[in-house]
Amino acid sequence: MAKIVPISVSEDYYQISESVLSSFPKYRLPLDLYVFNEKLAQLQRYYKKETRLSNEQIEEIQNLCKTGDLFVSREDHHIYSQHIVKQLDLVLVDENLKEGEVADITIRALEMRLTEFFNQPVKPLFEPLHADCMVFTEYLWNDKHHIKLFMRRLHEGEYNLIKHTLNTLFVGVWLLMQAKGEELLRKELDNFAIGLLLHDIGMTKVPVFILNKSVQLKPDEKDKIPPHVLAGAQIAQKMDMVSNEIKGACLEHHERLDGSGYPQRVKGDSISMFGAMAAVADSFSAMIQKRVNAEAKSQLDAGKELMLDITRYDKRYSSSLYTALLTKAI
């Protein structure tokens, strides 16, 4: 095994779990490993990253891991987390990760999967996105307070379709949890989360020059935007995603209570609960990002504007969001 090198005990280390260890490349691990030396009462480096391992050494490391004697340094957290991003289910079993680290890793994983799927919306690329979304909902289901971690990480910079989608996911799921409380069903959470991830997938069918235009769109160019809703619903259907929660998020996020929305111009109670929540989440997420035709608003200003717009947005959801922002409950 590699030469043992004493290191400072003041550094921050944590045990590496068997599931995480087994997910690394077998013969060349991407980070250093440490063991506790009882005589010296300190951790020492046991394996130097990228060193070639023999089968005997692999067995030694696995045994140390089983007995809880194998550690990694938080200095290598960027390597550790970059690996877990590609195998997101590991965040559910790795007790060493802090809550904020789990949220950051989950966001990075979803961003990666969304980008891949939006670039090529086909089923083989949807399946890993769906799997990672289920990890996200499992994490929330285990402790519903975890949604606050994601609400505190909303993207507020330049408009970006992927980041807008994630913002809408987090806000929409938060609204659902607030609205349903203890009556929330797991299938509602799972389906609505998927619907929110897919709600703007139809934007990938809008000509790129329109999406990237840095000045106000012409009327004929604006006309190419509304069809994205139906295009998105069709893509969701091709992925066999056809629940009421998904339909509401995909088809109704641009509908408005007064009938001024699109594509069906439904109004009032004809808009489903999921559509009404998606409308608030989608609009809020758009408002806090800088767009061609508008500067970014603060979260509080955006929430207030939506709450006051009672002719178009369901006040049950807009008011819930604004109150939480005002009282800093999220």
C-alpha atoms as a PDB file:
ATOM      1  CA  MET A   1       0.000   0.000   0.000  1.00  0.00           C
ATOM      2  CA  ALA A   2       1.083   3.608  -0.420  1.00  0.00           C
ATOM      3  CA  LYS A   3       3.456   5.073   2.118  1.00  0.00           C
ATOM      4  CA  ILE A   4       1.652   6.384   5.200  1.00  0.00           C
ATOM      5  CA  VAL A   5       2.070  10.146   5.480  1.00  0.00           C
ATOM      6  CA  PRO A   6       1.075  12.000   8.692  1.00  0.00           C
ATOM      7  CA  ILE A   7      -1.362  14.869   8.166  1.00  0.00           C
ATOM      8  CA  SER A   8      -2.829  17.548  10.402  1.00  0.00           C
ATOM      9  CA  VAL A   9      -5.722  16.423  12.605  1.00  0.00           C
ATOM     10  CA  SER A  10      -7.249  19.886  12.291  1.00  0.00           C
ATOM     11  CA  GLU A  11      -8.550  19.114   8.813  1.00  0.00           C
ATOM     12  CA  ASP A  12     -12.116  18.007   8.299  1.00  0.00           C
ATOM     13  CA  TYR A  13     -12.657  14.380   7.308  1.00  0.00           C
ATOM     14  CA  TYR A  14     -15.581  12.033   7.023  1.00  0.00           C
ATOM     15  CA  GLN A  15     -16.068   8.322   6.573  1.00  0.00           C
ATOM     16  CA  ILE A  16     -16.638   7.022   3.087  1.00  0.00           C
ATOM     17  CA  SER A  17     -19.542   4.603   2.750  1.00  0.00           C
ATOM     18  CA  GLU A  18     -19.341   1.242   1.013  1.00  0.00           C
ATOM     19  CA  SER A  19     -21.876   2.312  -1.608  1.00  0.00           C
ATOM     20  CA  VAL A  20     -19.843   5.382  -2.550  1.00  0.00           C
ATOM     21  CA  LEU A  21     -16.545   3.498  -2.551  1.00  0.00           C
ATOM     22  CA  SER A  22     -17.947   0.770  -4.786  1.00  0.00           C
ATOM     23  CA  SER A  23     -19.106   3.371  -7.307  1.00  0.00           C
ATOM     24  CA  PHE A  24     -15.563   4.649  -7.952  1.00  0.00           C
ATOM     25  CA  PRO A  25     -13.336   3.163 -10.669  1.00  0.00           C
ATOM     26  CA  LYS A  26     -12.064  -0.105  -9.246  1.00  0.00           C
ATOM     27  CA  TYR A  27      -8.299   0.161  -9.724  1.00  0.00           C
ATOM     28  CA  ARG A  28      -7.641   3.917  -9.614  1.00  0.00           C
ATOM     29  CA  LEU A  29      -9.577   5.954  -7.068  1.00  0.00           C
ATOM     30  CA  PRO A  30      -9.973   9.685  -7.785  1.00  0.00           C
ATOM     31  CA  LEU A  31      -9.172  10.918  -4.257  1.00  0.00           C
ATOM     32  CA  ASP A  32      -6.912  10.230  -1.292  1.00  0.00           C
ATOM     33  CA  LEU A  33      -8.041   7.859   1.453  1.00  0.00           C
ATOM     34  CA  TYR A  34      -7.136   8.086   5.131  1.00  0.00           C
ATOM     35  CA  VAL A  35      -7.132   5.755   8.120  1.00  0.00           C
ATOM     36  CA  PHE A  36      -7.052   6.521  11.828  1.00  0.00           C
ATOM     37  CA  ASN A  37      -3.779   5.683  13.595  1.00  0.00           C
ATOM     38  CA  GLU A  38      -4.694   4.946  17.205  1.00  0.00           C
ATOM     39  CA  LYS A  39      -1.116   5.215  18.473  1.00  0.00           C
ATOM     40  CA  LEU A  40      -0.698   8.694  17.031  1.00  0.00           C
ATOM     41  CA  ALA A  41      -4.359   9.599  17.574  1.00  0.00           C
ATOM     42  CA  GLN A  42      -4.603  11.129  14.131  1.00  0.00           C
ATOM     43  CA  LEU A  43      -5.609  10.370  10.589  1.00  0.00           C
ATOM     44  CA  GLN A  44      -2.932   9.381   8.095  1.00  0.00           C
ATOM     45  CA  ARG A  45      -2.983   9.087   4.352  1.00  0.00           C
ATOM     46  CA  TYR A  46      -3.435   5.460   3.377  1.00  0.00           C
ATOM     47  CA  TYR A  47      -3.924   5.689  -0.379  1.00  0.00           C
ATOM     48  CA  LYS A  48      -2.769   8.361  -2.835  1.00  0.00           C
ATOM     49  CA  LYS A  49      -5.293   9.155  -5.557  1.00  0.00           C
ATOM     50  CA  GLU A  50      -4.802   7.692  -9.036  1.00  0.00           C
ATOM     51  CA  THR A  51      -2.318   5.110  -7.716  1.00  0.00           C
ATOM     52  CA  ARG A  52      -2.817   1.729  -9.355  1.00  0.00           C
ATOM     53  CA  LEU A  53      -4.309  -0.812  -6.949  1.00  0.00           C
ATOM     54  CA  SER A  54      -3.746  -4.546  -6.880  1.00  0.00           C
ATOM     55  CA  ASN A  55      -6.599  -6.953  -6.152  1.00  0.00           C
ATOM     56  CA  GLU A  56      -5.186  -7.489  -2.656  1.00  0.00           C
ATOM     57  CA  GLN A  57      -5.115  -3.741  -1.993  1.00  0.00           C
ATOM     58  CA  ILE A  58      -8.680  -3.386  -3.239  1.00  0.00           C
ATOM     59  CA  GLU A  59      -9.768  -6.032  -0.727  1.00  0.00           C
ATOM     60  CA  GLU A  60      -7.881  -4.241   2.071  1.00  0.00           C
ATOM     61  CA  ILE A  61      -9.609  -0.957   1.283  1.00  0.00           C
ATOM     62  CA  GLN A  62     -13.008  -2.609   1.118  1.00  0.00           C
ATOM     63  CA  ASN A  63     -12.451  -4.234   4.528  1.00  0.00           C
ATOM     64  CA  LEU A  64     -11.373  -0.913   6.060  1.00  0.00           C
ATOM     65  CA  CYS A  65     -14.491   0.681   4.629  1.00  0.00           C
ATOM     66  CA  LYS A  66     -16.723  -2.048   6.082  1.00  0.00           C
ATOM     67  CA  THR A  67     -15.299  -1.478   9.574  1.00  0.00           C
ATOM     68  CA  GLY A  68     -15.747   2.295   9.277  1.00  0.00           C
ATOM     69  CA  ASP A  69     -12.007   2.996   9.325  1.00  0.00           C
ATOM     70  CA  LEU A  70     -11.704   4.670   5.929  1.00  0.00           C
ATOM     71  CA  PHE A  71     -11.950   8.454   5.536  1.00  0.00           C
ATOM     72  CA  VAL A  72     -11.782  11.155   2.880  1.00  0.00           C
ATOM     73  CA  SER A  73     -10.848  14.796   3.292  1.00  0.00           C
ATOM     74  CA  ARG A  74     -13.323  17.590   2.731  1.00  0.00           C
ATOM     75  CA  GLU A  75     -10.541  19.209   0.719  1.00  0.00           C
ATOM     76  CA  ASP A  76     -11.469  16.629  -1.923  1.00  0.00           C
ATOM     77  CA  HIS A  77     -15.178  17.360  -1.652  1.00  0.00           C
ATOM     78  CA  HIS A  78     -15.232  18.843  -5.156  1.00  0.00           C
ATOM     79  CA  ILE A  79     -14.001  15.511  -6.542  1.00  0.00           C
ATOM     80  CA  TYR A  80     -16.310  13.513  -4.306  1.00  0.00           C
ATOM     81  CA  SER A  81     -19.380  15.584  -5.189  1.00  0.00           C
ATOM     82  CA  GLN A  82     -18.557  15.684  -8.905  1.00  0.00           C
ATOM     83  CA  HIS A  83     -18.658  11.905  -8.857  1.00  0.00           C
ATOM     84  CA  ILE A  84     -21.939  11.709  -6.954  1.00  0.00           C
ATOM     85  CA  VAL A  85     -23.563  14.129  -9.413  1.00  0.00           C
ATOM     86  CA  LYS A  86     -23.453  11.297 -11.940  1.00  0.00           C
ATOM     87  CA  GLN A  87     -24.897   8.785  -9.458  1.00  0.00           C
ATOM     88  CA  LEU A  88     -27.322  10.955  -7.557  1.00  0.00           C
ATOM     89  CA  ASP A  89     -29.000   8.156  -5.612  1.00  0.00           C
ATOM     90  CA  LEU A  90     -25.844   8.040  -3.475  1.00  0.00           C
ATOM     91  CA  VAL A  91     -26.943  11.227  -1.684  1.00  0.00           C
ATOM     92  CA  LEU A  92     -29.718   9.184  -0.070  1.00  0.00           C
ATOM     93  CA  VAL A  93     -27.285   6.775   1.576  1.00  0.00           C
ATOM     94  CA  ASP A  94     -24.251   8.948   2.284  1.00  0.00           C
ATOM     95  CA  GLU A  95     -24.720  10.216   5.836  1.00  0.00           C
ATOM     96  CA  ASN A  96     -21.522  12.264   5.665  1.00  0.00           C
ATOM     97  CA  LEU A  97     -22.948  14.869   3.322  1.00  0.00           C
ATOM     98  CA  LYS A  98     -24.302  18.037   4.882  1.00  0.00           C
ATOM     99  CA  GLU A  99     -27.801  19.137   3.882  1.00  0.00           C
ATOM    100  CA  GLY A 100     -26.484  22.050   1.851  1.00  0.00           C
ATOM    101  CA  GLU A 101     -24.075  19.754   0.032  1.00  0.00           C
ATOM    102  CA  VAL A 102     -26.917  17.379  -0.848  1.00  0.00           C
ATOM    103  CA  ALA A 103     -28.915  20.288  -2.279  1.00  0.00           C
ATOM    104  CA  ASP A 104     -25.970  21.578  -4.318  1.00  0.00           C
ATOM    105  CA  ILE A 105     -25.173  18.129  -5.702  1.00  0.00           C
ATOM    106  CA  THR A 106     -28.840  17.497  -6.536  1.00  0.00           C
ATOM    107  CA  ILE A 107     -29.131  20.802  -8.392  1.00  0.00           C
ATOM    108  CA  ARG A 108     -25.987  20.075 -10.392  1.00  0.00           C
ATOM    109  CA  ALA A 109     -27.249  16.599 -11.279  1.00  0.00           C
ATOM    110  CA  LEU A 110     -30.667  17.838 -12.382  1.00  0.00           C
ATOM    111  CA  GLU A 111     -29.059  20.648 -14.382  1.00  0.00           C
ATOM    112  CA  MET A 112     -26.826  18.129 -16.159  1.00  0.00           C
ATOM    113  CA  ARG A 113     -29.703  15.734 -16.933  1.00  0.00           C
ATOM    114  CA  LEU A 114     -31.995  18.558 -18.072  1.00  0.00           C
ATOM    115  CA  THR A 115     -29.355  19.950 -20.406  1.00  0.00           C
ATOM    116  CA  GLU A 116     -28.829  16.544 -21.990  1.00  0.00           C
ATOM    117  CA  PHE A 117     -32.558  15.950 -22.394  1.00  0.00           C
ATOM    118  CA  PHE A 118     -33.387  19.443 -23.653  1.00  0.00           C
ATOM    119  CA  ASN A 119     -30.637  19.126 -26.257  1.00  0.00           C
ATOM    120  CA  GLN A 120     -32.088  15.820 -27.429  1.00  0.00           C
ATOM    121  CA  PRO A 121     -35.577  15.079 -26.012  1.00  0.00           C
ATOM    122  CA  VAL A 122     -35.617  11.312 -26.471  1.00  0.00           C
ATOM    123  CA  LYS A 123     -36.547   8.557 -24.042  1.00  0.00           C
ATOM    124  CA  PRO A 124     -33.008   7.225 -23.374  1.00  0.00           C
ATOM    125  CA  LEU A 125     -32.073  10.685 -22.074  1.00  0.00           C
ATOM    126  CA  PHE A 126     -35.349  11.164 -20.239  1.00  0.00           C
ATOM    127  CA  GLU A 127     -34.886   8.037 -18.140  1.00  0.00           C
ATOM    128  CA  PRO A 128     -31.838   9.305 -16.163  1.00  0.00           C
ATOM    129  CA  LEU A 129     -33.600  12.661 -15.702  1.00  0.00           C
ATOM    130  CA  HIS A 130     -36.654  10.852 -14.356  1.00  0.00           C
ATOM    131  CA  ALA A 131     -34.472   8.722 -12.050  1.00  0.00           C
ATOM    132  CA  ASP A 132     -32.709  11.790 -10.618  1.00  0.00           C
ATOM    133  CA  CYS A 133     -36.032  13.573 -10.168  1.00  0.00           C
ATOM    134  CA  MET A 134     -37.226  10.604  -8.107  1.00  0.00           C
ATOM    135  CA  VAL A 135     -34.103  10.938  -5.934  1.00  0.00           C
ATOM    136  CA  PHE A 136     -35.025  14.603  -5.433  1.00  0.00           C
ATOM    137  CA  THR A 137     -38.611  13.768  -4.415  1.00  0.00           C
ATOM    138  CA  GLU A 138     -37.422  10.922  -2.170  1.00  0.00           C
ATOM    139  CA  TYR A 139     -35.135  13.370  -0.375  1.00  0.00           C
ATOM    140  CA  LEU A 140     -38.066  15.732   0.149  1.00  0.00           C
ATOM    141  CA  TRP A 141     -40.423  12.943   1.167  1.00  0.00           C
ATOM    142  CA  ASN A 142     -37.987  11.846   3.880  1.00  0.00           C
ATOM    143  CA  ASP A 143     -38.066  15.358   5.333  1.00  0.00           C
ATOM    144  CA  LYS A 144     -40.372  17.944   3.762  1.00  0.00           C
ATOM    145  CA  HIS A 145     -38.357  20.779   5.314  1.00  0.00           C
ATOM    146  CA  HIS A 146     -35.603  19.980   2.822  1.00  0.00           C
ATOM    147  CA  ILE A 147     -37.492  21.979   0.178  1.00  0.00           C
ATOM    148  CA  LYS A 148     -36.262  25.136   1.911  1.00  0.00           C
ATOM    149  CA  LEU A 149     -32.697  24.232   0.920  1.00  0.00           C
ATOM    150  CA  PHE A 150     -33.704  24.480  -2.733  1.00  0.00           C
ATOM    151  CA  MET A 151     -35.842  27.594  -2.308  1.00  0.00           C
ATOM    152  CA  ARG A 152     -32.759  29.317  -0.908  1.00  0.00           C
ATOM    153  CA  ARG A 153     -30.804  28.412  -4.027  1.00  0.00           C
ATOM    154  CA  LEU A 154     -33.006  29.928  -6.730  1.00  0.00           C
ATOM    155  CA  HIS A 155     -31.094  31.325  -9.710  1.00  0.00           C
ATOM    156  CA  GLU A 156     -31.522  35.096 -10.064  1.00  0.00           C
ATOM    157  CA  GLY A 157     -29.056  35.991 -12.829  1.00  0.00           C
ATOM    158  CA  GLU A 158     -29.545  36.200 -16.578  1.00  0.00           C
ATOM    159  CA  TYR A 159     -32.444  34.174 -17.951  1.00  0.00           C
ATOM    160  CA  ASN A 160     -31.458  30.613 -18.725  1.00  0.00           C
ATOM    161  CA  LEU A 161     -33.997  27.969 -19.728  1.00  0.00           C
ATOM    162  CA  ILE A 162     -32.440  25.204 -17.629  1.00  0.00           C
ATOM    163  CA  LYS A 163     -32.086  27.337 -14.516  1.00  0.00           C
ATOM    164  CA  HIS A 164     -35.574  28.754 -15.052  1.00  0.00           C
ATOM    165  CA  THR A 165     -36.902  25.206 -15.181  1.00  0.00           C
ATOM    166  CA  LEU A 166     -35.176  24.312 -11.912  1.00  0.00           C
ATOM    167  CA  ASN A 167     -36.488  27.479 -10.263  1.00  0.00           C
ATOM    168  CA  THR A 168     -39.995  26.551 -11.378  1.00  0.00           C
ATOM    169  CA  LEU A 169     -39.533  23.019 -10.049  1.00  0.00           C
ATOM    170  CA  PHE A 170     -38.497  24.183  -6.598  1.00  0.00           C
ATOM    171  CA  VAL A 171     -41.132  26.913  -6.280  1.00  0.00           C
ATOM    172  CA  GLY A 172     -43.877  24.681  -7.656  1.00  0.00           C
ATOM    173  CA  VAL A 173     -43.043  21.800  -5.328  1.00  0.00           C
ATOM    174  CA  TRP A 174     -42.929  24.214  -2.388  1.00  0.00           C
ATOM    175  CA  LEU A 175     -46.394  25.507  -3.311  1.00  0.00           C
ATOM    176  CA  LEU A 176     -47.715  21.952  -3.581  1.00  0.00           C
ATOM    177  CA  MET A 177     -46.360  21.052  -0.157  1.00  0.00           C
ATOM    178  CA  GLN A 178     -47.879  24.153   1.386  1.00  0.00           C
ATOM    179  CA  ALA A 179     -51.242  23.577  -0.273  1.00  0.00           C
ATOM    180  CA  LYS A 180     -51.584  19.882   0.487  1.00  0.00           C
ATOM    181  CA  GLY A 181     -49.796  19.640   3.832  1.00  0.00           C
ATOM    182  CA  GLU A 182     -50.216  16.239   5.470  1.00  0.00           C
ATOM    183  CA  GLU A 183     -52.685  15.226   2.739  1.00  0.00           C
ATOM    184  CA  LEU A 184     -49.951  15.259   0.098  1.00  0.00           C
ATOM    185  CA  LEU A 185     -49.628  11.942  -1.715  1.00  0.00           C
ATOM    186  CA  ARG A 186     -46.266  10.657  -2.870  1.00  0.00           C
ATOM    187  CA  LYS A 187     -47.543  10.131  -6.424  1.00  0.00           C
ATOM    188  CA  GLU A 188     -48.702  13.778  -6.534  1.00  0.00           C
ATOM    189  CA  LEU A 189     -45.242  14.940  -5.506  1.00  0.00           C
ATOM    190  CA  ASP A 190     -43.493  12.668  -8.011  1.00  0.00           C
ATOM    191  CA  ASN A 191     -45.784  13.499 -10.921  1.00  0.00           C
ATOM    192  CA  PHE A 192     -45.914  17.241 -10.324  1.00  0.00           C
ATOM    193  CA  ALA A 193     -42.125  17.411 -10.032  1.00  0.00           C
ATOM    194  CA  ILE A 194     -41.781  15.686 -13.398  1.00  0.00           C
ATOM    195  CA  GLY A 195     -44.416  17.987 -14.884  1.00  0.00           C
ATOM    196  CA  LEU A 196     -42.533  21.054 -13.688  1.00  0.00           C
ATOM    197  CA  LEU A 197     -39.298  19.737 -15.176  1.00  0.00           C
ATOM    198  CA  LEU A 198     -41.073  19.225 -18.497  1.00  0.00           C
ATOM    199  CA  HIS A 199     -43.248  22.342 -18.437  1.00  0.00           C
ATOM    200  CA  ASP A 200     -40.993  24.343 -20.784  1.00  0.00           C
ATOM    201  CA  ILE A 201     -39.460  21.511 -22.822  1.00  0.00           C
ATOM    202  CA  GLY A 202     -41.487  22.818 -25.779  1.00  0.00           C
ATOM    203  CA  MET A 203     -39.232  25.888 -25.807  1.00  0.00           C
ATOM    204  CA  THR A 204     -36.604  23.682 -27.434  1.00  0.00           C
ATOM    205  CA  LYS A 205     -38.831  23.710 -30.527  1.00  0.00           C
ATOM    206  CA  VAL A 206     -38.790  27.517 -30.743  1.00  0.00           C
ATOM    207  CA  PRO A 207     -36.198  28.791 -33.276  1.00  0.00           C
ATOM    208  CA  VAL A 208     -32.894  29.485 -31.549  1.00  0.00           C
ATOM    209  CA  PHE A 209     -32.540  32.950 -33.074  1.00  0.00           C
ATOM    210  CA  ILE A 210     -35.756  33.995 -31.304  1.00  0.00           C
ATOM    211  CA  LEU A 211     -34.655  32.638 -27.935  1.00  0.00           C
ATOM    212  CA  ASN A 212     -31.262  34.322 -28.230  1.00  0.00           C
ATOM    213  CA  LYS A 213     -32.506  37.648 -29.559  1.00  0.00           C
ATOM    214  CA  SER A 214     -31.224  40.544 -27.461  1.00  0.00           C
ATOM    215  CA  VAL A 215     -33.935  43.050 -28.502  1.00  0.00           C
ATOM    216  CA  GLN A 216     -37.710  43.091 -28.387  1.00  0.00           C
ATOM    217  CA  LEU A 217     -39.348  40.426 -30.525  1.00  0.00           C
ATOM    218  CA  LYS A 218     -41.433  41.396 -33.528  1.00  0.00           C
ATOM    219  CA  PRO A 219     -45.135  40.398 -33.499  1.00  0.00           C
ATOM    220  CA  ASP A 220     -44.587  37.495 -35.888  1.00  0.00           C
ATOM    221  CA  GLU A 221     -41.682  36.285 -33.745  1.00  0.00           C
ATOM    222  CA  LYS A 222     -43.780  36.478 -30.587  1.00  0.00           C
ATOM    223  CA  ASP A 223     -46.355  34.279 -32.299  1.00  0.00           C
ATOM    224  CA  LYS A 224     -43.829  31.457 -32.357  1.00  0.00           C
ATOM    225  CA  ILE A 225     -43.665  31.321 -28.537  1.00  0.00           C
ATOM    226  CA  PRO A 226     -47.184  30.148 -27.467  1.00  0.00           C
ATOM    227  CA  PRO A 227     -47.058  26.859 -29.442  1.00  0.00           C
ATOM    228  CA  HIS A 228     -44.288  25.702 -27.073  1.00  0.00           C
ATOM    229  CA  VAL A 229     -46.971  24.659 -24.583  1.00  0.00           C
ATOM    230  CA  LEU A 230     -48.596  22.131 -26.912  1.00  0.00           C
ATOM    231  CA  ALA A 231     -45.200  21.003 -28.182  1.00  0.00           C
ATOM    232  CA  GLY A 232     -44.129  20.357 -24.600  1.00  0.00           C
ATOM    233  CA  ALA A 233     -47.282  18.406 -23.821  1.00  0.00           C
ATOM    234  CA  GLN A 234     -46.668  16.250 -26.886  1.00  0.00           C
ATOM    235  CA  ILE A 235     -43.110  15.522 -25.772  1.00  0.00           C
ATOM    236  CA  ALA A 236     -44.353  14.600 -22.293  1.00  0.00           C
ATOM    237  CA  GLN A 237     -46.866  12.230 -23.870  1.00  0.00           C
ATOM    238  CA  LYS A 238     -44.118  10.599 -25.925  1.00  0.00           C
ATOM    239  CA  MET A 239     -42.270   9.980 -22.649  1.00  0.00           C
ATOM    240  CA  ASP A 240     -45.458   8.279 -21.333  1.00  0.00           C
ATOM    241  CA  MET A 241     -45.909  11.066 -18.801  1.00  0.00           C
ATOM    242  CA  VAL A 242     -49.679  11.663 -18.862  1.00  0.00           C
ATOM    243  CA  SER A 243     -50.887  12.131 -15.264  1.00  0.00           C
ATOM    244  CA  ASN A 244     -53.175  15.006 -14.216  1.00  0.00           C
ATOM    245  CA  GLU A 245     -50.306  16.644 -12.341  1.00  0.00           C
ATOM    246  CA  ILE A 246     -48.080  16.561 -15.423  1.00  0.00           C
ATOM    247  CA  LYS A 247     -50.842  17.761 -17.742  1.00  0.00           C
ATOM    248  CA  GLY A 248     -51.578  20.658 -15.404  1.00  0.00           C
ATOM    249  CA  ALA A 249     -47.944  21.761 -15.272  1.00  0.00           C
ATOM    250  CA  CYS A 250     -47.297  21.360 -18.998  1.00  0.00           C
ATOM    251  CA  LEU A 251     -50.581  22.540 -20.506  1.00  0.00           C
ATOM    252  CA  GLU A 252     -51.802  25.163 -18.037  1.00  0.00           C
ATOM    253  CA  HIS A 253     -48.776  27.084 -16.760  1.00  0.00           C
ATOM    254  CA  HIS A 254     -49.658  29.950 -19.137  1.00  0.00           C
ATOM    255  CA  GLU A 255     -53.409  29.896 -18.492  1.00  0.00           C
ATOM    256  CA  ARG A 256     -54.837  32.772 -16.428  1.00  0.00           C
ATOM    257  CA  LEU A 257     -57.932  33.077 -14.255  1.00  0.00           C
ATOM    258  CA  ASP A 258     -59.449  35.792 -16.457  1.00  0.00           C
ATOM    259  CA  GLY A 259     -59.041  33.718 -19.630  1.00  0.00           C
ATOM    260  CA  SER A 260     -56.234  35.883 -21.011  1.00  0.00           C
ATOM    261  CA  GLY A 261     -53.713  33.056 -21.064  1.00  0.00           C
ATOM    262  CA  TYR A 262     -52.952  30.341 -23.601  1.00  0.00           C
ATOM    263  CA  PRO A 263     -53.175  27.886 -25.311  1.00  0.00           C
ATOM    264  CA  GLN A 264     -56.817  27.053 -24.466  1.00  0.00           C
ATOM    265  CA  ARG A 265     -57.834  30.328 -22.780  1.00  0.00           C
ATOM    266  CA  VAL A 266     -59.537  28.444 -19.972  1.00  0.00           C
ATOM    267  CA  LYS A 267     -60.450  30.508 -16.934  1.00  0.00           C
ATOM    268  CA  GLY A 268     -61.323  30.348 -13.245  1.00  0.00           C
ATOM    269  CA  ASP A 269     -62.063  26.930 -11.782  1.00  0.00           C
ATOM    270  CA  SER A 270     -61.517  25.330 -15.182  1.00  0.00           C
ATOM    271  CA  ILE A 271     -57.808  25.634 -14.479  1.00  0.00           C
ATOM    272  CA  SER A 272     -56.623  22.709 -12.379  1.00  0.00           C
ATOM    273  CA  MET A 273     -54.925  23.165  -9.014  1.00  0.00           C
ATOM    274  CA  PHE A 274     -51.671  21.961 -10.563  1.00  0.00           C
ATOM    275  CA  GLY A 275     -52.001  24.371 -13.474  1.00  0.00           C
ATOM    276  CA  ALA A 276     -52.670  27.293 -11.131  1.00  0.00           C
ATOM    277  CA  MET A 277     -49.652  26.441  -8.987  1.00  0.00           C
ATOM    278  CA  ALA A 278     -47.460  25.973 -12.065  1.00  0.00           C
ATOM    279  CA  ALA A 279     -48.580  29.391 -13.356  1.00  0.00           C
ATOM    280  CA  VAL A 280     -47.435  31.105 -10.158  1.00  0.00           C
ATOM    281  CA  ALA A 281     -44.173  29.138 -10.043  1.00  0.00           C
ATOM    282  CA  ASP A 282     -43.373  29.726 -13.727  1.00  0.00           C
ATOM    283  CA  SER A 283     -44.142  33.459 -13.637  1.00  0.00           C
ATOM    284  CA  PHE A 284     -42.275  34.027 -10.380  1.00  0.00           C
ATOM    285  CA  SER A 285     -39.235  32.173 -11.722  1.00  0.00           C
ATOM    286  CA  ALA A 286     -39.273  34.244 -14.917  1.00  0.00           C
ATOM    287  CA  MET A 287     -39.625  37.512 -13.026  1.00  0.00           C
ATOM    288  CA  ILE A 288     -36.560  36.991 -10.836  1.00  0.00           C
ATOM    289  CA  GLN A 289     -34.321  36.473 -13.885  1.00  0.00           C
ATOM    290  CA  LYS A 290     -33.140  39.221 -16.233  1.00  0.00           C
ATOM    291  CA  ARG A 291     -34.944  38.952 -19.563  1.00  0.00           C
ATOM    292  CA  VAL A 292     -34.798  40.869 -22.852  1.00  0.00           C
ATOM    293  CA  ASN A 293     -37.933  42.847 -22.078  1.00  0.00           C
ATOM    294  CA  ALA A 294     -37.515  43.236 -18.305  1.00  0.00           C
ATOM    295  CA  GLU A 295     -34.949  43.604 -15.564  1.00  0.00           C
ATOM    296  CA  ALA A 296     -34.900  40.978 -12.853  1.00  0.00           C
ATOM    297  CA  LYS A 297     -37.114  41.728  -9.861  1.00  0.00           C
ATOM    298  CA  SER A 298     -36.272  40.853  -6.289  1.00  0.00           C
ATOM    299  CA  GLN A 299     -38.028  37.770  -4.986  1.00  0.00           C
ATOM    300  CA  LEU A 300     -40.119  39.885  -2.636  1.00  0.00           C
ATOM    301  CA  ASP A 301     -41.185  42.328  -5.381  1.00  0.00           C
ATOM    302  CA  ALA A 302     -42.019  39.486  -7.760  1.00  0.00           C
ATOM    303  CA  GLY A 303     -44.026  37.706  -5.094  1.00  0.00           C
ATOM    304  CA  LYS A 304     -45.924  40.860  -4.217  1.00  0.00           C
ATOM    305  CA  GLU A 305     -46.757  41.618  -7.843  1.00  0.00           C
ATOM    306  CA  LEU A 306     -48.180  38.137  -8.339  1.00  0.00           C
ATOM    307  CA  MET A 307     -50.129  38.290  -5.082  1.00  0.00           C
ATOM    308  CA  LEU A 308     -51.759  41.575  -6.122  1.00  0.00           C
ATOM    309  CA  ASP A 309     -52.639  40.287  -9.600  1.00  0.00           C
ATOM    310  CA  ILE A 310     -55.796  38.525  -8.406  1.00  0.00           C
ATOM    311  CA  THR A 311     -57.501  38.639 -11.822  1.00  0.00           C
ATOM    312  CA  ARG A 312     -54.891  36.357 -13.377  1.00  0.00           C
ATOM    313  CA  TYR A 313     -53.241  34.322 -10.599  1.00  0.00           C
ATOM    314  CA  ASP A 314     -54.809  32.172  -7.910  1.00  0.00           C
ATOM    315  CA  LYS A 315     -54.334  34.129  -4.702  1.00  0.00           C
ATOM    316  CA  ARG A 316     -54.218  30.968  -2.602  1.00  0.00           C
ATOM    317  CA  TYR A 317     -50.818  30.183  -4.062  1.00  0.00           C
ATOM    318  CA  SER A 318     -49.432  33.643  -4.828  1.00  0.00           C
ATOM    319  CA  SER A 319     -50.337  34.857  -1.339  1.00  0.00           C
ATOM    320  CA  SER A 320     -48.765  31.799   0.278  1.00  0.00           C
ATOM    321  CA  LEU A 321     -45.527  32.461  -1.576  1.00  0.00           C
ATOM    322  CA  TYR A 322     -45.461  36.189  -0.838  1.00  0.00           C
ATOM    323  CA  THR A 323     -46.202  35.688   2.850  1.00  0.00           C
ATOM    324  CA  ALA A 324     -43.377  33.182   3.160  1.00  0.00           C
ATOM    325  CA  LEU A 325     -40.973  35.544   1.408  1.00  0.00           C
ATOM    326  CA  LEU A 326     -42.107  38.499   3.526  1.00  0.00           C
ATOM    327  CA  THR A 327     -41.690  36.642   6.804  1.00  0.00           C
ATOM    328  CA  LYS A 328     -38.474  34.977   5.601  1.00  0.00           C
ATOM    329  CA  ALA A 329     -40.008  31.584   6.243  1.00  0.00           C
ATOM    330  CA  ILE A 330     -38.135  30.237   3.204  1.00  0.00           C
END
